[in-house]
Protein backbone atom coordinates (compact mmCIF):
# COMPACT_ATOMS: atom_id res chain seq x y z
CA UNK A 1 0.00 0.00 0.00
CA UNK A 2 2.88 2.36 0.72
CA UNK A 3 4.22 2.06 -2.81
CA UNK A 4 0.82 2.64 -4.37
CA UNK A 5 0.08 5.68 -2.24
CA UNK A 6 3.53 7.18 -2.90
CA UNK A 7 3.06 6.69 -6.65
CA UNK A 8 -0.42 8.21 -6.53
CA UNK A 9 0.87 11.16 -4.53
CA UNK A 10 3.68 11.70 -7.04
CA UNK A 11 1.22 11.65 -9.96
CA UNK A 12 -1.03 14.10 -8.11
CA UNK A 13 1.90 16.46 -7.56
CA UNK A 14 2.79 16.30 -11.27
CA UNK A 15 -0.78 17.13 -12.27
CA UNK A 16 -0.88 20.05 -9.83
CA UNK A 17 2.46 21.36 -11.10
CA UNK A 18 1.17 21.25 -14.69
CA UNK A 19 -2.02 23.03 -13.59
CA UNK A 20 0.04 25.75 -11.93
CA UNK A 21 2.31 26.06 -14.96
CA UNK A 22 -0.65 26.44 -17.34
CA UNK A 23 -2.26 29.12 -15.19
CA UNK A 24 1.02 31.09 -14.99
CA UNK A 25 1.50 30.84 -18.77
CA UNK A 26 -2.06 32.13 -19.35
CA UNK A 27 -1.33 34.98 -16.92
CA UNK A 28 1.85 35.96 -18.76
CA UNK A 29 0.14 35.87 -22.17
CA UNK A 30 -2.72 37.96 -20.79
CA UNK A 31 -0.31 40.60 -19.58
CA UNK A 32 1.39 40.56 -22.98
CA UNK A 33 -1.98 41.04 -24.74
CA UNK A 34 -2.83 43.94 -22.43
CA UNK A 35 0.49 45.64 -23.22
CA UNK A 36 -0.09 45.13 -26.95
CA UNK A 37 -3.62 46.56 -26.59
CA UNK A 38 -2.21 49.71 -25.02
CA UNK A 39 0.29 50.01 -27.88
CA UNK A 40 -2.47 49.48 -30.47
CA UNK A 41 -4.60 52.21 -28.89
CA UNK A 42 -1.63 54.57 -28.90
CA UNK A 43 -1.32 54.05 -32.70
CA UNK A 44 -5.09 54.55 -33.17
CA UNK A 45 -5.71 50.90 -34.12
CA UNK A 46 -8.96 50.65 -32.20
CA UNK A 47 -10.26 47.34 -33.60
CA UNK A 48 -6.97 45.53 -32.95
CA UNK A 49 -6.66 47.21 -29.56
CA UNK A 50 -10.16 46.22 -28.53
CA UNK A 51 -9.65 42.56 -29.47
CA UNK A 52 -6.31 42.44 -27.66
CA UNK A 53 -7.83 44.16 -24.64
CA UNK A 54 -10.74 41.73 -24.53
CA UNK A 55 -8.45 38.72 -24.92
CA UNK A 56 -6.12 40.02 -22.22
CA UNK A 57 -8.90 40.71 -19.72
CA UNK A 58 -10.54 37.31 -20.27
CA UNK A 59 -7.17 35.54 -19.97
CA UNK A 60 -6.30 37.53 -16.85
CA UNK A 61 -9.61 36.64 -15.23
CA UNK A 62 -9.20 32.96 -16.14
CA UNK A 63 -5.65 32.73 -14.85
CA UNK A 64 -6.47 34.54 -11.59
CA UNK A 65 -9.42 32.21 -11.08
CA UNK A 66 -7.21 29.17 -11.71
CA UNK A 67 -4.59 30.46 -9.26
CA UNK A 68 -7.22 31.16 -6.59
CA UNK A 69 -8.57 27.62 -6.95
CA UNK A 70 -5.02 26.30 -6.69
CA UNK A 71 -4.33 28.32 -3.54
CA UNK A 72 -7.56 27.21 -1.82
CA UNK A 73 -6.66 23.52 -2.06
CA UNK A 74 -5.55 22.32 1.37
CA UNK A 75 -1.98 21.28 1.74
CA UNK A 76 -0.61 22.66 -1.49
CA UNK A 77 1.00 25.88 -0.43
CA UNK A 78 0.10 26.01 3.21
CA UNK A 79 1.63 23.36 5.38
CA UNK A 80 -0.62 20.96 7.18
CA UNK A 81 -0.76 21.05 10.92
CA UNK A 82 0.31 17.91 12.70
CA UNK A 83 -2.06 17.06 15.49
CA UNK A 84 -2.14 14.55 18.29
CA UNK A 85 -5.08 13.60 20.46
CA UNK A 86 -4.87 14.73 24.06
CA UNK A 87 -6.85 13.53 27.08
CA UNK A 88 -7.32 15.72 30.15
CA UNK A 89 -8.02 14.02 33.47
CA UNK A 90 -9.19 15.91 36.55
CA UNK A 91 -9.88 15.04 40.17
CA UNK A 92 -13.52 15.38 41.21
CA UNK A 93 -12.68 16.94 44.58
CA UNK A 94 -9.38 18.86 44.38
CA UNK A 95 -7.71 21.01 41.69
CA UNK A 96 -5.54 18.22 40.29
CA UNK A 97 -5.45 18.29 36.49
CA UNK A 98 -3.26 16.28 34.13
CA UNK A 99 -2.94 16.36 30.36
CA UNK A 100 -1.72 13.17 28.71
CA UNK A 101 -1.65 11.48 25.32
CA UNK A 102 -4.93 9.90 24.25
CA UNK A 103 -5.13 6.15 24.65
CA UNK A 104 -7.61 3.90 22.87
CA UNK A 105 -10.81 3.53 24.88
CA UNK A 106 -10.74 6.97 26.52
CA UNK A 107 -14.06 8.77 26.70
CA UNK A 108 -15.38 11.74 28.66
CA UNK A 109 -16.43 10.94 32.26
CA UNK A 110 -14.43 7.70 32.25
CA UNK A 111 -12.88 6.95 35.63
CA UNK A 112 -9.13 6.86 35.35
CA UNK A 113 -7.97 5.81 38.79
CA UNK A 114 -7.12 7.71 41.96
CA UNK A 115 -5.87 11.24 42.45
CA UNK A 116 -2.20 11.36 43.52
CA UNK A 117 -2.97 14.41 45.70
CA UNK A 118 -6.11 13.50 47.65
CA UNK A 119 -6.84 9.87 46.71
CA UNK A 120 -10.33 10.46 45.27
CA UNK A 121 -11.53 9.55 41.75
CA UNK A 122 -9.87 11.00 38.65
CA UNK A 123 -12.17 11.42 35.65
CA UNK A 124 -11.50 12.16 31.95
CA UNK A 125 -12.97 15.61 31.31
CA UNK A 126 -11.69 16.56 27.84
CA UNK A 127 -10.48 14.87 24.67
CA UNK A 128 -9.31 17.09 21.84
CA UNK A 129 -6.68 17.36 19.07
CA UNK A 130 -3.67 19.52 19.85
CA UNK A 131 -1.44 21.11 17.21
CA UNK A 132 2.08 19.71 17.49
CA UNK A 133 3.79 21.37 14.53
CA UNK A 134 3.68 21.82 10.79
CA UNK A 135 4.40 19.22 8.15
């Protein structure tokens, strides 16, 4: 399974790189068309200028849309947060509170033994993911 998932991930990265490359090329051509439209208007070539302007604006809008879709995809540019599950246990009578790594079978209000401070029951009060770092 590891080989298949690594191969699939590599293919996905290639497709995304091609997608990004195409959108950047469209952006560059759009800018070129807009510059040529300005030059055509300066030489009083209104029909040519209008068609270049229209092509440049449509290409610019398309490339900016493609780049915004690319940037919104999770994990492409932004790094993913690594998380680990944390369990908080608290004593029902004193202020003892301990945060530990989640273990299979933990659930809220589960009795977890005795309090090291007062000897009463310790209960799981919270289970949540905690950000460890970035990947």
